[in-house]
Amino acid sequence: MIRLTQKEEEVMERIWNLGACTPKEVLATYDEPRPLITSISNTFQSLERKGFLGHKPQGRGYLYEPKIEKKDYGRNRLGDFVDKYFGSNYTDVVSQFVQDEKLTEAELIELLHTLISERK
């Protein structure tokens, strides 16, 4: 999956939150000072070229909708993160979550039981 720029990720995050939307609707989600509408529109075009957005006519413009789910993009980015910072060692990642108390041992055991049950 293609990696997005920081600006593209920021706009895509807003699109995922809104669902089908227009550049003007995304622009309205920004606090002042807002970026220029041309900047948002250009980002939409870039996201469409990269396969993240599709569009259909609506009135005098277009309604854009995500073609990639946030969860799928996040899963891909997580893999990149683990590769880069943990040498592709997912065990180290989970161990770090437990050590940092982001995930308790009980939660980890419950997660393993759930995953094993789903595979059967």
Protein backbone atom coordinates (compact mmCIF):
# COMPACT_ATOMS: atom_id res chain seq x y z
CA MET A 1 0.00 0.00 0.00
CA ILE A 2 1.25 3.47 -0.84
CA ARG A 3 2.36 5.57 2.11
CA LEU A 4 0.69 8.96 2.42
CA THR A 5 2.40 12.24 3.22
CA GLN A 6 1.65 13.83 6.58
CA LYS A 7 -0.71 16.33 4.91
CA GLU A 8 -2.49 13.56 3.01
CA GLU A 9 -2.89 11.54 6.22
CA GLU A 10 -4.32 14.58 7.99
CA VAL A 11 -6.91 15.15 5.25
CA MET A 12 -7.66 11.44 4.94
CA GLU A 13 -8.28 11.24 8.70
CA ARG A 14 -10.90 13.96 8.35
CA ILE A 15 -12.47 12.17 5.38
CA TRP A 16 -12.66 8.91 7.34
CA ASN A 17 -14.40 10.78 10.15
CA LEU A 18 -16.88 12.45 7.79
CA GLY A 19 -17.50 9.63 5.32
CA ALA A 20 -18.56 10.72 1.83
CA CYS A 21 -17.81 14.44 1.63
CA THR A 22 -16.60 17.39 -0.41
CA PRO A 23 -13.38 19.38 -0.04
CA LYS A 24 -15.42 22.26 1.42
CA GLU A 25 -16.81 19.96 4.11
CA VAL A 26 -13.29 18.87 5.03
CA LEU A 27 -12.15 22.50 5.07
CA ALA A 28 -14.91 23.30 7.58
CA THR A 29 -13.39 20.82 10.06
CA TYR A 30 -10.24 22.94 10.43
CA ASP A 31 -9.77 25.59 13.08
CA GLU A 32 -8.74 29.08 12.03
CA PRO A 33 -6.51 29.86 10.29
CA ARG A 34 -7.78 27.32 7.80
CA PRO A 35 -5.74 26.10 4.85
CA LEU A 36 -6.73 27.30 1.40
CA ILE A 37 -9.49 25.37 -0.37
CA THR A 38 -7.10 24.87 -3.30
CA SER A 39 -4.70 23.08 -0.96
CA ILE A 40 -7.47 20.77 0.25
CA SER A 41 -8.70 20.18 -3.32
CA ASN A 42 -5.17 19.36 -4.50
CA THR A 43 -4.80 16.89 -1.64
CA PHE A 44 -8.11 15.25 -2.65
CA GLN A 45 -6.77 14.87 -6.21
CA SER A 46 -3.55 13.33 -4.90
CA LEU A 47 -5.49 10.92 -2.68
CA GLU A 48 -7.63 9.92 -5.65
CA ARG A 49 -4.56 9.30 -7.84
CA LYS A 50 -3.13 7.09 -5.08
CA GLY A 51 -6.35 5.08 -4.90
CA PHE A 52 -7.58 6.28 -1.51
CA LEU A 53 -10.60 8.19 -2.81
CA GLY A 54 -13.25 7.75 -5.44
CA HIS A 55 -15.76 10.35 -6.58
CA LYS A 56 -19.18 10.69 -8.12
CA PRO A 57 -20.95 13.77 -9.50
CA GLN A 58 -23.03 15.75 -7.06
CA GLY A 59 -24.59 19.00 -8.21
CA ARG A 60 -21.90 21.20 -9.71
CA GLY A 61 -19.08 19.29 -8.04
CA TYR A 62 -18.15 15.88 -6.78
CA LEU A 63 -18.77 13.83 -3.67
CA TYR A 64 -15.69 11.90 -2.60
CA GLU A 65 -15.68 8.69 -0.62
CA PRO A 66 -12.90 6.62 0.88
CA LYS A 67 -11.85 3.54 -1.08
CA ILE A 68 -9.44 2.39 1.63
CA GLU A 69 -10.67 1.78 5.17
CA LYS A 70 -8.86 3.48 8.02
CA LYS A 71 -8.27 0.14 9.74
CA ASP A 72 -6.57 -1.29 6.62
CA TYR A 73 -4.29 1.73 6.27
CA GLY A 74 -3.49 1.59 9.98
CA ARG A 75 -2.64 -2.11 9.76
CA ASN A 76 -0.23 -1.37 6.93
CA ARG A 77 1.38 1.53 8.80
CA LEU A 78 1.69 -0.62 11.92
CA GLY A 79 3.63 -3.17 9.91
CA ASP A 80 5.97 -0.44 8.67
CA PHE A 81 6.43 0.80 12.25
CA VAL A 82 7.22 -2.67 13.60
CA ASP A 83 9.66 -3.28 10.77
CA LYS A 84 11.44 0.03 11.33
CA TYR A 85 11.57 0.26 15.11
CA PHE A 86 11.35 -3.36 16.29
CA GLY A 87 13.21 -5.18 13.51
CA SER A 88 9.99 -6.94 12.41
CA ASN A 89 9.74 -8.58 15.87
CA TYR A 90 6.07 -8.49 16.86
CA THR A 91 6.81 -10.33 20.11
CA ASP A 92 8.93 -7.36 21.22
CA VAL A 93 6.03 -5.03 20.42
CA VAL A 94 3.54 -6.99 22.52
CA SER A 95 6.12 -7.34 25.30
CA GLN A 96 6.60 -3.57 25.27
CA PHE A 97 2.82 -3.04 25.61
CA VAL A 98 2.79 -5.30 28.67
CA GLN A 99 5.88 -3.65 30.19
CA ASP A 100 4.39 -0.17 29.65
CA GLU A 101 1.12 -1.36 31.22
CA LYS A 102 -0.83 -0.59 28.04
CA LEU A 103 -1.96 -4.21 28.00
CA THR A 104 -2.38 -6.33 31.12
CA GLU A 105 -1.41 -9.97 31.24
CA ALA A 106 -5.09 -10.87 31.73
CA GLU A 107 -6.03 -8.87 28.61
CA LEU A 108 -3.26 -10.58 26.66
CA ILE A 109 -4.45 -14.03 27.74
CA GLU A 110 -8.05 -13.15 26.89
CA LEU A 111 -6.95 -11.86 23.48
CA LEU A 112 -5.07 -15.09 22.77
CA HIS A 113 -8.08 -17.20 23.77
CA THR A 114 -10.33 -15.11 21.49
CA LEU A 115 -7.96 -15.37 18.54
CA ILE A 116 -7.53 -19.12 18.98
CA SER A 117 -11.32 -19.58 19.19
CA GLU A 118 -11.85 -17.54 16.00
CA ARG A 119 -9.38 -19.71 14.06
CA LYS A 120 -11.22 -22.95 14.88
